[in-house]
Amino acid sequence: MKKVTFVTAAATALAALTLGAPAVAAAVPSGTGSVQDTVDQLEGRGYDVMVDKLGPAPLALCTVDSLRAADISDRSPMNRVVLQPVYLTARC
């Protein structure tokens, strides 16, 4: 019974990883806006955006270098994901 539970849990985790990445990729705003525009658009779509800034320039002069989904283990008391966290890397 433990083996069946483990296999089911592993398959569920793999499916979540497979489905999570395309969802974030589809949410990436198109166009050439600022980093702040991108953050605003993602937050408007229900994402919790965490920005990692690489370089000394002000954020207004940075460009979006990458965007990736974070682990969705942060859940509400009812075991529901409150906001989908994503990491945005800004290169300055």
PDB file of N, CA and C in Angstrom:
ATOM      1  N   MET A   1       0.811  -1.190   0.000  1.00  0.00           N
ATOM      2  CA  MET A   1       0.000   0.000   0.000  1.00  0.00           C
ATOM      3  C   MET A   1       0.856   1.256   0.000  1.00  0.00           C
ATOM      4  N   LYS A   2       1.979   1.237   0.756  1.00  0.00           N
ATOM      5  CA  LYS A   2       2.860   2.394   0.802  1.00  0.00           C
ATOM      6  C   LYS A   2       3.457   2.681  -0.565  1.00  0.00           C
ATOM      7  N   LYS A   3       3.775   1.617  -1.315  1.00  0.00           N
ATOM      8  CA  LYS A   3       4.371   1.791  -2.634  1.00  0.00           C
ATOM      9  C   LYS A   3       3.380   2.451  -3.576  1.00  0.00           C
ATOM     10  N   VAL A   4       2.118   2.058  -3.537  1.00  0.00           N
ATOM     11  CA  VAL A   4       1.092   2.653  -4.395  1.00  0.00           C
ATOM     12  C   VAL A   4       0.912   4.125  -4.052  1.00  0.00           C
ATOM     13  N   THR A   5       0.907   4.460  -2.762  1.00  0.00           N
ATOM     14  CA  THR A   5       0.769   5.841  -2.327  1.00  0.00           C
ATOM     15  C   THR A   5       1.938   6.678  -2.817  1.00  0.00           C
ATOM     16  N   PHE A   6       3.163   6.154  -2.695  1.00  0.00           N
ATOM     17  CA  PHE A   6       4.341   6.868  -3.151  1.00  0.00           C
ATOM     18  C   PHE A   6       4.299   7.104  -4.658  1.00  0.00           C
ATOM     19  N   VAL A   7       3.928   6.083  -5.422  1.00  0.00           N
ATOM     20  CA  VAL A   7       3.856   6.209  -6.874  1.00  0.00           C
ATOM     21  C   VAL A   7       2.806   7.245  -7.263  1.00  0.00           C
ATOM     22  N   THR A   8       1.665   7.235  -6.589  1.00  0.00           N
ATOM     23  CA  THR A   8       0.614   8.211  -6.865  1.00  0.00           C
ATOM     24  C   THR A   8       1.091   9.620  -6.532  1.00  0.00           C
ATOM     25  N   ALA A   9       1.760   9.787  -5.400  1.00  0.00           N
ATOM     26  CA  ALA A   9       2.264  11.100  -5.001  1.00  0.00           C
ATOM     27  C   ALA A   9       3.328  11.591  -5.988  1.00  0.00           C
ATOM     28  N   ALA A  10       4.203  10.708  -6.417  1.00  0.00           N
ATOM     29  CA  ALA A  10       5.239  11.082  -7.375  1.00  0.00           C
ATOM     30  C   ALA A  10       4.634  11.481  -8.713  1.00  0.00           C
ATOM     31  N   ALA A  11       3.637  10.747  -9.166  1.00  0.00           N
ATOM     32  CA  ALA A  11       2.981  11.080 -10.438  1.00  0.00           C
ATOM     33  C   ALA A  11       2.262  12.417 -10.345  1.00  0.00           C
ATOM     34  N   THR A  12       1.629  12.676  -9.207  1.00  0.00           N
ATOM     35  CA  THR A  12       0.946  13.954  -9.012  1.00  0.00           C
ATOM     36  C   THR A  12       1.939  15.108  -9.012  1.00  0.00           C
ATOM     37  N   ALA A  13       3.068  14.946  -8.328  1.00  0.00           N
ATOM     38  CA  ALA A  13       4.090  15.997  -8.289  1.00  0.00           C
ATOM     39  C   ALA A  13       4.664  16.257  -9.676  1.00  0.00           C
ATOM     40  N   LEU A  14       4.910  15.196 -10.427  1.00  0.00           N
ATOM     41  CA  LEU A  14       5.436  15.346 -11.780  1.00  0.00           C
ATOM     42  C   LEU A  14       4.437  16.067 -12.668  1.00  0.00           C
ATOM     43  N   ALA A  15       3.171  15.753 -12.542  1.00  0.00           N
ATOM     44  CA  ALA A  15       2.139  16.425 -13.332  1.00  0.00           C
ATOM     45  C   ALA A  15       2.064  17.899 -12.971  1.00  0.00           C
ATOM     46  N   ALA A  16       2.185  18.225 -11.680  1.00  0.00           N
ATOM     47  CA  ALA A  16       2.131  19.622 -11.255  1.00  0.00           C
ATOM     48  C   ALA A  16       3.306  20.406 -11.813  1.00  0.00           C
ATOM     49  N   LEU A  17       4.495  19.817 -11.818  1.00  0.00           N
ATOM     50  CA  LEU A  17       5.659  20.490 -12.390  1.00  0.00           C
ATOM     51  C   LEU A  17       5.497  20.682 -13.891  1.00  0.00           C
ATOM     52  N   THR A  18       4.971  19.686 -14.545  1.00  0.00           N
ATOM     53  CA  THR A  18       4.793  19.756 -15.992  1.00  0.00           C
ATOM     54  C   THR A  18       3.773  20.812 -16.368  1.00  0.00           C
ATOM     55  N   LEU A  19       2.705  20.910 -15.610  1.00  0.00           N
ATOM     56  CA  LEU A  19       1.650  21.866 -15.926  1.00  0.00           C
ATOM     57  C   LEU A  19       1.963  23.264 -15.413  1.00  0.00           C
ATOM     58  N   GLY A  20       2.768  23.389 -14.363  1.00  0.00           N
ATOM     59  CA  GLY A  20       3.059  24.696 -13.778  1.00  0.00           C
ATOM     60  C   GLY A  20       3.912  25.583 -14.660  1.00  0.00           C
ATOM     61  N   ALA A  21       4.945  25.051 -15.273  1.00  0.00           N
ATOM     62  CA  ALA A  21       5.849  25.855 -16.093  1.00  0.00           C
ATOM     63  C   ALA A  21       5.160  26.486 -17.296  1.00  0.00           C
ATOM     64  N   PRO A  22       4.358  25.750 -18.072  1.00  0.00           N
ATOM     65  CA  PRO A  22       3.676  26.389 -19.189  1.00  0.00           C
ATOM     66  C   PRO A  22       2.694  27.468 -18.743  1.00  0.00           C
ATOM     67  N   ALA A  23       2.082  27.296 -17.572  1.00  0.00           N
ATOM     68  CA  ALA A  23       1.140  28.302 -17.089  1.00  0.00           C
ATOM     69  C   ALA A  23       1.853  29.620 -16.827  1.00  0.00           C
ATOM     70  N   VAL A  24       3.035  29.564 -16.240  1.00  0.00           N
ATOM     71  CA  VAL A  24       3.806  30.782 -16.002  1.00  0.00           C
ATOM     72  C   VAL A  24       4.288  31.365 -17.321  1.00  0.00           C
ATOM     73  N   ALA A  25       4.751  30.518 -18.223  1.00  0.00           N
ATOM     74  CA  ALA A  25       5.212  31.003 -19.524  1.00  0.00           C
ATOM     75  C   ALA A  25       4.090  31.702 -20.282  1.00  0.00           C
ATOM     76  N   ALA A  26       2.887  31.169 -20.186  1.00  0.00           N
ATOM     77  CA  ALA A  26       1.745  31.789 -20.856  1.00  0.00           C
ATOM     78  C   ALA A  26       1.369  33.108 -20.210  1.00  0.00           C
ATOM     79  N   ALA A  27       1.715  33.288 -18.939  1.00  0.00           N
ATOM     80  CA  ALA A  27       1.355  34.506 -18.225  1.00  0.00           C
ATOM     81  C   ALA A  27       2.348  35.637 -18.446  1.00  0.00           C
ATOM     82  N   VAL A  28       3.504  35.335 -19.039  1.00  0.00           N
ATOM     83  CA  VAL A  28       4.512  36.369 -19.260  1.00  0.00           C
ATOM     84  C   VAL A  28       3.964  37.394 -20.241  1.00  0.00           C
ATOM     85  N   PRO A  29       3.911  38.652 -19.821  1.00  0.00           N
ATOM     86  CA  PRO A  29       3.406  39.682 -20.719  1.00  0.00           C
ATOM     87  C   PRO A  29       4.298  39.838 -21.944  1.00  0.00           C
ATOM     88  N   SER A  30       3.682  40.044 -23.079  1.00  0.00           N
ATOM     89  CA  SER A  30       4.464  40.257 -24.296  1.00  0.00           C
ATOM     90  C   SER A  30       4.710  41.749 -24.473  1.00  0.00           C
ATOM     91  N   GLY A  31       5.686  42.086 -25.268  1.00  0.00           N
ATOM     92  CA  GLY A  31       5.987  43.488 -25.506  1.00  0.00           C
ATOM     93  C   GLY A  31       7.260  43.889 -24.801  1.00  0.00           C
ATOM     94  N   THR A  32       7.590  45.162 -24.917  1.00  0.00           N
ATOM     95  CA  THR A  32       8.843  45.650 -24.342  1.00  0.00           C
ATOM     96  C   THR A  32       8.552  46.693 -23.276  1.00  0.00           C
ATOM     97  N   GLY A  33       7.844  46.298 -22.230  1.00  0.00           N
ATOM     98  CA  GLY A  33       7.583  47.197 -21.120  1.00  0.00           C
ATOM     99  C   GLY A  33       8.723  47.140 -20.128  1.00  0.00           C
ATOM    100  N   SER A  34       8.596  47.947 -19.086  1.00  0.00           N
ATOM    101  CA  SER A  34       9.613  47.954 -18.042  1.00  0.00           C
ATOM    102  C   SER A  34       9.432  46.746 -17.126  1.00  0.00           C
ATOM    103  N   VAL A  35      10.396  46.552 -16.247  1.00  0.00           N
ATOM    104  CA  VAL A  35      10.294  45.480 -15.260  1.00  0.00           C
ATOM    105  C   VAL A  35       9.056  45.726 -14.397  1.00  0.00           C
ATOM    106  N   GLN A  36       8.828  46.979 -13.999  1.00  0.00           N
ATOM    107  CA  GLN A  36       7.670  47.291 -13.159  1.00  0.00           C
ATOM    108  C   GLN A  36       6.361  46.999 -13.894  1.00  0.00           C
ATOM    109  N   ASP A  37       6.313  47.289 -15.214  1.00  0.00           N
ATOM    110  CA  ASP A  37       5.112  46.961 -15.997  1.00  0.00           C
ATOM    111  C   ASP A  37       4.852  45.456 -15.972  1.00  0.00           C
ATOM    112  N   THR A  38       5.915  44.676 -16.117  1.00  0.00           N
ATOM    113  CA  THR A  38       5.793  43.220 -16.109  1.00  0.00           C
ATOM    114  C   THR A  38       5.303  42.734 -14.755  1.00  0.00           C
ATOM    115  N   VAL A  39       5.874  43.275 -13.681  1.00  0.00           N
ATOM    116  CA  VAL A  39       5.449  42.901 -12.329  1.00  0.00           C
ATOM    117  C   VAL A  39       3.975  43.243 -12.132  1.00  0.00           C
ATOM    118  N   ASP A  40       3.578  44.446 -12.537  1.00  0.00           N
ATOM    119  CA  ASP A  40       2.185  44.876 -12.380  1.00  0.00           C
ATOM    120  C   ASP A  40       1.228  43.963 -13.143  1.00  0.00           C
ATOM    121  N   GLN A  41       1.603  43.590 -14.362  1.00  0.00           N
ATOM    122  CA  GLN A  41       0.745  42.721 -15.176  1.00  0.00           C
ATOM    123  C   GLN A  41       0.627  41.331 -14.550  1.00  0.00           C
ATOM    124  N   LEU A  42       1.733  40.788 -14.066  1.00  0.00           N
ATOM    125  CA  LEU A  42       1.701  39.459 -13.446  1.00  0.00           C
ATOM    126  C   LEU A  42       0.894  39.474 -12.150  1.00  0.00           C
ATOM    127  N   GLU A  43       1.087  40.507 -11.338  1.00  0.00           N
ATOM    128  CA  GLU A  43       0.313  40.603 -10.100  1.00  0.00           C
ATOM    129  C   GLU A  43      -1.175  40.762 -10.402  1.00  0.00           C
ATOM    130  N   GLY A  44      -1.494  41.468 -11.470  1.00  0.00           N
ATOM    131  CA  GLY A  44      -2.882  41.615 -11.887  1.00  0.00           C
ATOM    132  C   GLY A  44      -3.505  40.296 -12.323  1.00  0.00           C
ATOM    133  N   ARG A  45      -2.674  39.353 -12.727  1.00  0.00           N
ATOM    134  CA  ARG A  45      -3.146  38.028 -13.142  1.00  0.00           C
ATOM    135  C   ARG A  45      -3.128  37.028 -11.990  1.00  0.00           C
ATOM    136  N   GLY A  46      -2.828  37.508 -10.775  1.00  0.00           N
ATOM    137  CA  GLY A  46      -2.897  36.641  -9.602  1.00  0.00           C
ATOM    138  C   GLY A  46      -1.587  36.008  -9.184  1.00  0.00           C
ATOM    139  N   TYR A  47      -0.461  36.497  -9.695  1.00  0.00           N
ATOM    140  CA  TYR A  47       0.839  35.948  -9.319  1.00  0.00           C
ATOM    141  C   TYR A  47       1.468  36.790  -8.215  1.00  0.00           C
ATOM    142  N   ASP A  48       2.212  36.135  -7.321  1.00  0.00           N
ATOM    143  CA  ASP A  48       2.997  36.798  -6.293  1.00  0.00           C
ATOM    144  C   ASP A  48       4.418  36.879  -6.846  1.00  0.00           C
ATOM    145  N   VAL A  49       4.838  38.061  -7.284  1.00  0.00           N
ATOM    146  CA  VAL A  49       6.101  38.226  -8.003  1.00  0.00           C
ATOM    147  C   VAL A  49       7.208  38.629  -7.032  1.00  0.00           C
ATOM    148  N   MET A  50       8.313  37.873  -7.058  1.00  0.00           N
ATOM    149  CA  MET A  50       9.501  38.189  -6.283  1.00  0.00           C
ATOM    150  C   MET A  50      10.607  38.557  -7.271  1.00  0.00           C
ATOM    151  N   VAL A  51      11.175  39.747  -7.129  1.00  0.00           N
ATOM    152  CA  VAL A  51      12.163  40.260  -8.080  1.00  0.00           C
ATOM    153  C   VAL A  51      13.567  40.078  -7.526  1.00  0.00           C
ATOM    154  N   ASP A  52      14.438  39.459  -8.329  1.00  0.00           N
ATOM    155  CA  ASP A  52      15.870  39.375  -8.049  1.00  0.00           C
ATOM    156  C   ASP A  52      16.547  40.323  -9.027  1.00  0.00           C
ATOM    157  N   LYS A  53      17.216  41.365  -8.507  1.00  0.00           N
ATOM    158  CA  LYS A  53      17.845  42.380  -9.352  1.00  0.00           C
ATOM    159  C   LYS A  53      19.337  42.090  -9.459  1.00  0.00           C
ATOM    160  N   LEU A  54      19.821  41.991 -10.696  1.00  0.00           N
ATOM    161  CA  LEU A  54      21.244  41.749 -10.951  1.00  0.00           C
ATOM    162  C   LEU A  54      21.857  43.016 -11.557  1.00  0.00           C
ATOM    163  N   GLY A  55      22.695  43.687 -10.819  1.00  0.00           N
ATOM    164  CA  GLY A  55      23.350  44.877 -11.310  1.00  0.00           C
ATOM    165  C   GLY A  55      23.032  46.100 -10.478  1.00  0.00           C
ATOM    166  N   PRO A  56      23.850  47.157 -10.628  1.00  0.00           N
ATOM    167  CA  PRO A  56      23.726  48.339  -9.770  1.00  0.00           C
ATOM    168  C   PRO A  56      22.734  49.403 -10.264  1.00  0.00           C
ATOM    169  N   ALA A  57      22.269  49.294 -11.485  1.00  0.00           N
ATOM    170  CA  ALA A  57      21.402  50.335 -12.055  1.00  0.00           C
ATOM    171  C   ALA A  57      20.033  50.341 -11.376  1.00  0.00           C
ATOM    172  N   PRO A  58      19.331  51.487 -11.442  1.00  0.00           N
ATOM    173  CA  PRO A  58      17.971  51.539 -10.893  1.00  0.00           C
ATOM    174  C   PRO A  58      17.056  50.567 -11.644  1.00  0.00           C
ATOM    175  N   LEU A  59      16.047  50.080 -10.954  1.00  0.00           N
ATOM    176  CA  LEU A  59      15.128  49.097 -11.535  1.00  0.00           C
ATOM    177  C   LEU A  59      14.485  49.616 -12.819  1.00  0.00           C
ATOM    178  N   ALA A  60      14.280  50.907 -12.911  1.00  0.00           N
ATOM    179  CA  ALA A  60      13.658  51.492 -14.102  1.00  0.00           C
ATOM    180  C   ALA A  60      14.507  51.275 -15.365  1.00  0.00           C
ATOM    181  N   LEU A  61      15.801  51.021 -15.194  1.00  0.00           N
ATOM    182  CA  LEU A  61      16.694  50.816 -16.344  1.00  0.00           C
ATOM    183  C   LEU A  61      16.978  49.338 -16.612  1.00  0.00           C
ATOM    184  N   CYS A  62      16.343  48.447 -15.874  1.00  0.00           N
ATOM    185  CA  CYS A  62      16.586  47.011 -16.009  1.00  0.00           C
ATOM    186  C   CYS A  62      15.653  46.376 -17.037  1.00  0.00           C
ATOM    187  N   THR A  63      16.037  45.192 -17.490  1.00  0.00           N
ATOM    188  CA  THR A  63      15.195  44.399 -18.380  1.00  0.00           C
ATOM    189  C   THR A  63      14.908  43.054 -17.721  1.00  0.00           C
ATOM    190  N   VAL A  64      13.816  42.438 -18.127  1.00  0.00           N
ATOM    191  CA  VAL A  64      13.471  41.125 -17.593  1.00  0.00           C
ATOM    192  C   VAL A  64      14.402  40.100 -18.220  1.00  0.00           C
ATOM    193  N   ASP A  65      15.148  39.401 -17.375  1.00  0.00           N
ATOM    194  CA  ASP A  65      16.092  38.397 -17.851  1.00  0.00           C
ATOM    195  C   ASP A  65      15.456  37.014 -17.856  1.00  0.00           C
ATOM    196  N   SER A  66      14.707  36.679 -16.787  1.00  0.00           N
ATOM    197  CA  SER A  66      14.061  35.379 -16.723  1.00  0.00           C
ATOM    198  C   SER A  66      12.870  35.434 -15.777  1.00  0.00           C
ATOM    199  N   LEU A  67      12.018  34.431 -15.926  1.00  0.00           N
ATOM    200  CA  LEU A  67      10.849  34.291 -15.078  1.00  0.00           C
ATOM    201  C   LEU A  67      10.639  32.805 -14.857  1.00  0.00           C
ATOM    202  N   ARG A  68      10.492  32.405 -13.586  1.00  0.00           N
ATOM    203  CA  ARG A  68      10.282  30.982 -13.308  1.00  0.00           C
ATOM    204  C   ARG A  68       9.294  30.811 -12.169  1.00  0.00           C
ATOM    205  N   ALA A  69       8.588  29.710 -12.222  1.00  0.00           N
ATOM    206  CA  ALA A  69       7.618  29.388 -11.185  1.00  0.00           C
ATOM    207  C   ALA A  69       8.336  28.938  -9.929  1.00  0.00           C
ATOM    208  N   ALA A  70       7.794  29.312  -8.795  1.00  0.00           N
ATOM    209  CA  ALA A  70       8.341  28.876  -7.515  1.00  0.00           C
ATOM    210  C   ALA A  70       7.579  27.646  -7.038  1.00  0.00           C
ATOM    211  N   ASP A  71       8.106  27.007  -6.010  1.00  0.00           N
ATOM    212  CA  ASP A  71       7.432  25.867  -5.395  1.00  0.00           C
ATOM    213  C   ASP A  71       6.112  26.350  -4.808  1.00  0.00           C
ATOM    214  N   ILE A  72       5.034  25.638  -5.070  1.00  0.00           N
ATOM    215  CA  ILE A  72       3.721  26.074  -4.592  1.00  0.00           C
ATOM    216  C   ILE A  72       3.346  25.390  -3.288  1.00  0.00           C
ATOM    217  N   SER A  73       4.323  25.209  -2.408  1.00  0.00           N
ATOM    218  CA  SER A  73       4.046  24.563  -1.133  1.00  0.00           C
ATOM    219  C   SER A  73       3.455  25.544  -0.123  1.00  0.00           C
ATOM    220  N   ASP A  74       3.459  26.845  -0.442  1.00  0.00           N
ATOM    221  CA  ASP A  74       2.876  27.849   0.441  1.00  0.00           C
ATOM    222  C   ASP A  74       1.375  27.863   0.209  1.00  0.00           C
ATOM    223  N   ARG A  75       0.640  27.281   1.134  1.00  0.00           N
ATOM    224  CA  ARG A  75      -0.800  27.108   0.948  1.00  0.00           C
ATOM    225  C   ARG A  75      -1.567  27.735   2.102  1.00  0.00           C
ATOM    226  N   SER A  76      -2.815  28.010   1.855  1.00  0.00           N
ATOM    227  CA  SER A  76      -3.694  28.554   2.873  1.00  0.00           C
ATOM    228  C   SER A  76      -4.074  27.463   3.867  1.00  0.00           C
ATOM    229  N   PRO A  77      -4.710  27.828   4.982  1.00  0.00           N
ATOM    230  CA  PRO A  77      -5.116  26.808   5.957  1.00  0.00           C
ATOM    231  C   PRO A  77      -6.035  25.737   5.362  1.00  0.00           C
ATOM    232  N   MET A  78      -6.752  26.049   4.308  1.00  0.00           N
ATOM    233  CA  MET A  78      -7.645  25.058   3.696  1.00  0.00           C
ATOM    234  C   MET A  78      -6.920  24.276   2.601  1.00  0.00           C
ATOM    235  N   ASN A  79      -5.566  24.371   2.576  1.00  0.00           N
ATOM    236  CA  ASN A  79      -4.716  23.633   1.640  1.00  0.00           C
ATOM    237  C   ASN A  79      -4.942  24.064   0.194  1.00  0.00           C
ATOM    238  N   ARG A  80      -5.189  25.338   0.002  1.00  0.00           N
ATOM    239  CA  ARG A  80      -5.336  25.881  -1.350  1.00  0.00           C
ATOM    240  C   ARG A  80      -4.224  26.882  -1.601  1.00  0.00           C
ATOM    241  N   VAL A  81      -3.716  26.927  -2.806  1.00  0.00           N
ATOM    242  CA  VAL A  81      -2.692  27.898  -3.161  1.00  0.00           C
ATOM    243  C   VAL A  81      -3.358  29.264  -3.194  1.00  0.00           C
ATOM    244  N   VAL A  82      -2.826  30.211  -2.417  1.00  0.00           N
ATOM    245  CA  VAL A  82      -3.411  31.546  -2.356  1.00  0.00           C
ATOM    246  C   VAL A  82      -2.989  32.349  -3.582  1.00  0.00           C
ATOM    247  N   LEU A  83      -1.711  32.491  -3.808  1.00  0.00           N
ATOM    248  CA  LEU A  83      -1.168  33.150  -4.990  1.00  0.00           C
ATOM    249  C   LEU A  83      -0.062  32.267  -5.552  1.00  0.00           C
ATOM    250  N   GLN A  84       0.024  32.172  -6.859  1.00  0.00           N
ATOM    251  CA  GLN A  84       1.099  31.400  -7.503  1.00  0.00           C
ATOM    252  C   GLN A  84       2.364  32.253  -7.459  1.00  0.00           C
ATOM    253  N   PRO A  85       3.374  31.842  -6.687  1.00  0.00           N
ATOM    254  CA  PRO A  85       4.608  32.630  -6.631  1.00  0.00           C
ATOM    255  C   PRO A  85       5.471  32.411  -7.871  1.00  0.00           C
ATOM    256  N   VAL A  86       6.080  33.497  -8.353  1.00  0.00           N
ATOM    257  CA  VAL A  86       7.024  33.427  -9.462  1.00  0.00           C
ATOM    258  C   VAL A  86       8.234  34.295  -9.129  1.00  0.00           C
ATOM    259  N   TYR A  87       9.379  33.908  -9.672  1.00  0.00           N
ATOM    260  CA  TYR A  87      10.610  34.674  -9.501  1.00  0.00           C
ATOM    261  C   TYR A  87      10.946  35.348 -10.822  1.00  0.00           C
ATOM    262  N   LEU A  88      11.116  36.657 -10.786  1.00  0.00           N
ATOM    263  CA  LEU A  88      11.506  37.434 -11.963  1.00  0.00           C
ATOM    264  C   LEU A  88      12.915  37.930 -11.728  1.00  0.00           C
ATOM    265  N   THR A  89      13.820  37.668 -12.663  1.00  0.00           N
ATOM    266  CA  THR A  89      15.193  38.176 -12.568  1.00  0.00           C
ATOM    267  C   THR A  89      15.319  39.371 -13.491  1.00  0.00           C
ATOM    268  N   ALA A  90      15.723  40.494 -12.913  1.00  0.00           N
ATOM    269  CA  ALA A  90      15.918  41.740 -13.668  1.00  0.00           C
ATOM    270  C   ALA A  90      17.417  41.975 -13.828  1.00  0.00           C
ATOM    271  N   ARG A  91      17.851  42.162 -15.071  1.00  0.00           N
ATOM    272  CA  ARG A  91      19.270  42.421 -15.353  1.00  0.00           C
ATOM    273  C   ARG A  91      19.448  43.909 -15.635  1.00  0.00           C
ATOM    274  N   CYS A  92      20.398  44.506 -14.900  1.00  0.00           N
ATOM    275  CA  CYS A  92      20.615  45.957 -15.018  1.00  0.00           C
ATOM    276  C   CYS A  92      22.003  46.288 -15.557  1.00  0.00           C
TER     277      CYS A  92
END
